C-alpha atoms as a PDB file:
ATOM      1  CA  MET A   1       0.000   0.000   0.000  1.00  0.00           C
ATOM      2  CA  THR A   2       2.850   2.363   0.809  1.00  0.00           C
ATOM      3  CA  SER A   3       4.593   1.660  -2.493  1.00  0.00           C
ATOM      4  CA  VAL A   4       1.435   2.504  -4.459  1.00  0.00           C
ATOM      5  CA  ALA A   5       1.139   5.796  -2.584  1.00  0.00           C
ATOM      6  CA  LEU A   6       4.858   6.452  -3.131  1.00  0.00           C
ATOM      7  CA  TYR A   7       4.665   6.027  -6.900  1.00  0.00           C
ATOM      8  CA  ALA A   8       1.394   7.981  -7.030  1.00  0.00           C
ATOM      9  CA  SER A   9       2.991  10.902  -5.182  1.00  0.00           C
ATOM     10  CA  LEU A  10       5.974  10.732  -7.543  1.00  0.00           C
ATOM     11  CA  LEU A  11       3.608  10.916 -10.487  1.00  0.00           C
ATOM     12  CA  ILE A  12       1.632  13.765  -8.926  1.00  0.00           C
ATOM     13  CA  GLY A  13       4.743  15.716  -7.979  1.00  0.00           C
ATOM     14  CA  THR A  14       6.737  15.490 -11.180  1.00  0.00           C
ATOM     15  CA  GLY A  15       3.640  15.436 -13.384  1.00  0.00           C
ATOM     16  CA  SER A  16       2.298  18.650 -11.865  1.00  0.00           C
ATOM     17  CA  LEU A  17       5.612  20.390 -12.262  1.00  0.00           C
ATOM     18  CA  ALA A  18       5.956  19.144 -15.830  1.00  0.00           C
ATOM     19  CA  TRP A  19       2.467  20.343 -16.705  1.00  0.00           C
ATOM     20  CA  GLY A  20       3.128  23.746 -15.161  1.00  0.00           C
ATOM     21  CA  TYR A  21       6.336  24.158 -17.142  1.00  0.00           C
ATOM     22  CA  TYR A  22       4.733  22.825 -20.338  1.00  0.00           C
ATOM     23  CA  ASP A  23       1.802  25.204 -19.957  1.00  0.00           C
ATOM     24  CA  GLY A  24       4.235  28.074 -19.389  1.00  0.00           C
ATOM     25  CA  GLY A  25       6.053  27.374 -22.641  1.00  0.00           C
ATOM     26  CA  TYR A  26       9.083  25.535 -21.235  1.00  0.00           C
ATOM     27  CA  ARG A  27       8.498  22.276 -23.084  1.00  0.00           C
ATOM     28  CA  HIS A  28      12.063  20.944 -22.867  1.00  0.00           C
ATOM     29  CA  VAL A  29      12.129  21.489 -19.117  1.00  0.00           C
ATOM     30  CA  ALA A  30       8.767  19.725 -18.829  1.00  0.00           C
ATOM     31  CA  PHE A  31      10.057  16.648 -20.640  1.00  0.00           C
ATOM     32  CA  GLY A  32      13.206  16.781 -18.516  1.00  0.00           C
ATOM     33  CA  LEU A  33      11.071  16.774 -15.374  1.00  0.00           C
ATOM     34  CA  LEU A  34       9.119  13.774 -16.635  1.00  0.00           C
ATOM     35  CA  GLY A  35      12.397  11.975 -17.317  1.00  0.00           C
ATOM     36  CA  PHE A  36      13.620  12.894 -13.854  1.00  0.00           C
ATOM     37  CA  GLY A  37      10.405  11.472 -12.383  1.00  0.00           C
ATOM     38  CA  LEU A  38      10.971   8.203 -14.220  1.00  0.00           C
ATOM     39  CA  LEU A  39      14.566   8.047 -12.973  1.00  0.00           C
ATOM     40  CA  TRP A  40      13.401   8.745  -9.432  1.00  0.00           C
ATOM     41  CA  ALA A  41      10.792   5.988  -9.690  1.00  0.00           C
ATOM     42  CA  LEU A  42      13.435   3.587 -11.004  1.00  0.00           C
ATOM     43  CA  ALA A  43      15.766   4.511  -8.147  1.00  0.00           C
ATOM     44  CA  GLN A  44      12.957   3.886  -5.652  1.00  0.00           C
ATOM     45  CA  TRP A  45      12.263   0.525  -7.241  1.00  0.00           C
ATOM     46  CA  ARG A  46      15.974  -0.322  -6.923  1.00  0.00           C
ATOM     47  CA  ARG A  47      15.799   0.834  -3.271  1.00  0.00           C
ATOM     48  CA  TRP A  48      18.484   3.463  -3.587  1.00  0.00           C
ATOM     49  CA  THR A  49      17.756   5.332  -0.365  1.00  0.00           C
ATOM     50  CA  TRP A  50      19.712   8.466  -1.328  1.00  0.00           C
ATOM     51  CA  SER A  51      17.451   9.101  -4.311  1.00  0.00           C
ATOM     52  CA  ALA A  52      14.563  10.406  -2.223  1.00  0.00           C
ATOM     53  CA  SER A  53      16.599  13.233  -0.724  1.00  0.00           C
ATOM     54  CA  LEU A  54      17.985  14.183  -4.118  1.00  0.00           C
ATOM     55  CA  GLY A  55      14.495  14.007  -5.592  1.00  0.00           C
ATOM     56  CA  LEU A  56      13.035  16.254  -2.898  1.00  0.00           C
ATOM     57  CA  LEU A  57      15.788  18.789  -3.441  1.00  0.00           C
ATOM     58  CA  ALA A  58      15.306  18.780  -7.211  1.00  0.00           C
ATOM     59  CA  VAL A  59      11.505  18.994  -7.064  1.00  0.00           C
ATOM     60  CA  THR A  60      11.622  21.830  -4.541  1.00  0.00           C
ATOM     61  CA  ALA A  61      14.161  23.709  -6.650  1.00  0.00           C
ATOM     62  CA  ALA A  62      12.052  23.183  -9.782  1.00  0.00           C
ATOM     63  CA  ALA A  63       8.941  24.448  -7.985  1.00  0.00           C
ATOM     64  CA  ALA A  64      10.778  27.498  -6.641  1.00  0.00           C
ATOM     65  CA  ALA A  65      12.216  28.249 -10.076  1.00  0.00           C
ATOM     66  CA  GLY A  66       8.753  27.879 -11.584  1.00  0.00           C
ATOM     67  CA  LEU A  67       7.360  30.392  -9.122  1.00  0.00           C
ATOM     68  CA  TRP A  68      10.225  32.735  -9.916  1.00  0.00           C
ATOM     69  CA  LEU A  69       9.441  32.366 -13.633  1.00  0.00           C
ATOM     70  CA  GLU A  70       5.816  33.232 -12.751  1.00  0.00           C
ATOM     71  CA  LEU A  71       4.410  29.895 -13.863  1.00  0.00           C
ATOM     72  CA  ALA A  72       1.076  28.706 -12.472  1.00  0.00           C
ATOM     73  CA  ALA A  73       1.550  28.654  -8.716  1.00  0.00           C
ATOM     74  CA  GLY A  74      -0.984  25.888  -8.185  1.00  0.00           C
ATOM     75  CA  TRP A  75       0.987  23.395 -10.278  1.00  0.00           C
ATOM     76  CA  MET A  76       4.219  24.357  -8.533  1.00  0.00           C
ATOM     77  CA  VAL A  77       2.711  23.934  -5.066  1.00  0.00           C
ATOM     78  CA  VAL A  78       1.160  20.566  -5.905  1.00  0.00           C
ATOM     79  CA  GLY A  79       4.472  19.469  -7.425  1.00  0.00           C
ATOM     80  CA  ALA A  80       6.414  20.442  -4.310  1.00  0.00           C
ATOM     81  CA  LEU A  81       3.872  18.718  -2.049  1.00  0.00           C
ATOM     82  CA  GLY A  82       3.994  15.580  -4.202  1.00  0.00           C
ATOM     83  CA  GLY A  83       7.781  15.524  -3.919  1.00  0.00           C
ATOM     84  CA  LEU A  84       7.566  15.963  -0.160  1.00  0.00           C
ATOM     85  CA  LEU A  85       5.082  13.090   0.097  1.00  0.00           C
ATOM     86  CA  ALA A  86       7.319  10.853  -2.037  1.00  0.00           C
ATOM     87  CA  TRP A  87      10.315  11.686   0.145  1.00  0.00           C
ATOM     88  CA  ASP A  88       8.419  10.886   3.339  1.00  0.00           C
ATOM     89  CA  LEU A  89       6.918   7.674   1.969  1.00  0.00           C
ATOM     90  CA  SER A  90      10.336   6.527   0.772  1.00  0.00           C
ATOM     91  CA  ASP A  91      11.748   6.967   4.266  1.00  0.00           C
ATOM     92  CA  PHE A  92       8.708   5.293   5.818  1.00  0.00           C
ATOM     93  CA  ALA A  93       9.007   2.293   3.478  1.00  0.00           C
ATOM     94  CA  ARG A  94      12.705   1.991   4.340  1.00  0.00           C
ATOM     95  CA  ARG A  95      11.953   2.040   8.057  1.00  0.00           C
ATOM     96  CA  LEU A  96       9.238  -0.599   7.601  1.00  0.00           C
ATOM     97  CA  ARG A  97      11.666  -2.866   5.745  1.00  0.00           C
ATOM     98  CA  CYS A  98      14.216  -2.532   8.551  1.00  0.00           C
ATOM     99  CA  ALA A  99      11.693  -3.019  11.363  1.00  0.00           C
ATOM    100  CA  PRO A 100      11.069  -6.438  12.881  1.00  0.00           C
ATOM    101  CA  PRO A 101       7.921  -8.125  11.548  1.00  0.00           C
ATOM    102  CA  ARG A 102       4.788  -7.175  13.455  1.00  0.00           C
ATOM    103  CA  ARG A 103       1.152  -8.035  13.102  1.00  0.00           C
ATOM    104  CA  ASP A 104       0.026  -4.436  12.924  1.00  0.00           C
ATOM    105  CA  MET A 105       2.184  -3.353   9.960  1.00  0.00           C
ATOM    106  CA  GLN A 106      -0.880  -2.591   7.839  1.00  0.00           C
ATOM    107  CA  THR A 107      -2.324  -0.503  10.653  1.00  0.00           C
ATOM    108  CA  LEU A 108       0.919   1.472  10.850  1.00  0.00           C
ATOM    109  CA  GLU A 109       0.751   2.065   7.101  1.00  0.00           C
ATOM    110  CA  LYS A 110      -2.881   3.163   7.223  1.00  0.00           C
ATOM    111  CA  VAL A 111      -2.253   5.585  10.085  1.00  0.00           C
ATOM    112  CA  HIS A 112       0.801   7.065   8.379  1.00  0.00           C
ATOM    113  CA  LEU A 113      -1.027   7.461   5.065  1.00  0.00           C
ATOM    114  CA  ALA A 114      -3.993   9.063   6.813  1.00  0.00           C
ATOM    115  CA  ARG A 115      -1.707  11.575   8.528  1.00  0.00           C
ATOM    116  CA  LEU A 116      -0.006  12.372   5.254  1.00  0.00           C
ATOM    117  CA  ALA A 117      -3.360  12.835   3.526  1.00  0.00           C
ATOM    118  CA  ILE A 118      -4.401  15.311   6.216  1.00  0.00           C
ATOM    119  CA  LEU A 119      -1.123  17.214   5.819  1.00  0.00           C
ATOM    120  CA  PHE A 120      -1.468  17.220   2.034  1.00  0.00           C
ATOM    121  CA  VAL A 121      -5.009  18.603   2.157  1.00  0.00           C
ATOM    122  CA  PHE A 122      -4.038  21.155   4.812  1.00  0.00           C
ATOM    123  CA  GLY A 123      -1.076  22.267   2.688  1.00  0.00           C
ATOM    124  CA  LEU A 124      -3.272  22.610  -0.384  1.00  0.00           C
ATOM    125  CA  LEU A 125      -5.829  24.635   1.564  1.00  0.00           C
ATOM    126  CA  LEU A 126      -3.132  26.970   2.881  1.00  0.00           C
ATOM    127  CA  ALA A 127      -1.648  27.389  -0.586  1.00  0.00           C
ATOM    128  CA  THR A 128      -5.081  28.017  -2.094  1.00  0.00           C
ATOM    129  CA  GLY A 129      -5.804  30.619   0.552  1.00  0.00           C
ATOM    130  CA  ALA A 130      -2.487  32.319  -0.121  1.00  0.00           C
ATOM    131  CA  MET A 131      -3.165  32.374  -3.874  1.00  0.00           C
ATOM    132  CA  LEU A 132      -6.651  33.786  -3.377  1.00  0.00           C
ATOM    133  CA  LEU A 133      -5.326  36.602  -1.211  1.00  0.00           C
ATOM    134  CA  GLN A 134      -2.891  37.496  -4.007  1.00  0.00           C
ATOM    135  CA  LEU A 135      -0.446  39.308  -1.791  1.00  0.00           C
ATOM    136  CA  ARG A 136       2.625  40.529  -3.624  1.00  0.00           C
ATOM    137  CA  PHE A 137       5.901  39.510  -2.046  1.00  0.00           C
ATOM    138  CA  THR A 138       9.411  40.087  -3.210  1.00  0.00           C
ATOM    139  CA  PHE A 139      11.444  36.995  -4.059  1.00  0.00           C
ATOM    140  CA  GLU A 140      13.341  37.297  -0.764  1.00  0.00           C
ATOM    141  CA  TRP A 141      10.124  37.190   1.279  1.00  0.00           C
ATOM    142  CA  ALA A 142       8.853  34.234  -0.741  1.00  0.00           C
ATOM    143  CA  LEU A 143      12.131  32.390  -0.171  1.00  0.00           C
ATOM    144  CA  LEU A 144      11.983  33.108   3.559  1.00  0.00           C
ATOM    145  CA  LEU A 145       8.378  31.909   3.755  1.00  0.00           C
ATOM    146  CA  ALA A 146       9.253  28.751   1.816  1.00  0.00           C
ATOM    147  CA  LEU A 147      12.132  27.992   4.181  1.00  0.00           C
ATOM    148  CA  VAL A 148       9.981  28.605   7.249  1.00  0.00           C
ATOM    149  CA  ALA A 149       7.203  26.438   5.798  1.00  0.00           C
ATOM    150  CA  ALA A 150       9.660  23.633   4.997  1.00  0.00           C
ATOM    151  CA  LEU A 151      11.082  23.830   8.529  1.00  0.00           C
ATOM    152  CA  GLY A 152       7.573  23.773   9.994  1.00  0.00           C
ATOM    153  CA  ILE A 153       6.542  20.788   7.902  1.00  0.00           C
ATOM    154  CA  THR A 154       9.669  18.836   8.839  1.00  0.00           C
ATOM    155  CA  ARG A 155       9.074  19.609  12.521  1.00  0.00           C
ATOM    156  CA  LEU A 156       5.437  18.512  12.179  1.00  0.00           C
ATOM    157  CA  VAL A 157       6.434  15.284  10.440  1.00  0.00           C
ATOM    158  CA  ALA A 158       9.034  14.600  13.147  1.00  0.00           C
ATOM    159  CA  TRP A 159       6.398  15.238  15.806  1.00  0.00           C
ATOM    160  CA  LEU A 160       3.936  12.907  14.081  1.00  0.00           C
ATOM    161  CA  ARG A 161       6.606  10.203  13.791  1.00  0.00           C
ATOM    162  CA  ARG A 162       7.125  10.338  17.541  1.00  0.00           C
ATOM    163  CA  GLY A 163       3.428   9.701  17.976  1.00  0.00           C
ATOM    164  CA  GLY A 164       2.319  13.250  18.667  1.00  0.00           C
ATOM    165  CA  GLU A 165       3.934  13.441  22.108  1.00  0.00           C
END
């Protein structure tokens, strides 16, 4: 179940970015992003654990560059969130493989996927609200907000991994 969600989030992340770039007239970059998504999926299939971190970095950079190029913000946000989900699910799958066998493995997967779904929807709602407000920020403010948001999300994920203590 986790692997299906992992590959789906890879498809959503890189596909959204590719569509945003394609729609903005950057067709070569769009095809490059699709190729990168296929390479990332292949690396996940081969269980190369380093690929998820590289993929997250690349997807985040592509989304930030797309925002800087004034491409459709919705596609860039969904792409970045898809990359973040793929990164988290890759780490979760690795930890499940290394964990001793337990009877409640499927329950752990369901709970983790439910938490991620809530975070994904919450992130989309926040991004939609920000786009509807249409506040104009300089690039420096946008970069600062992106870094603070990434730090907040990583802290939230770490807190959820500890069981919400």
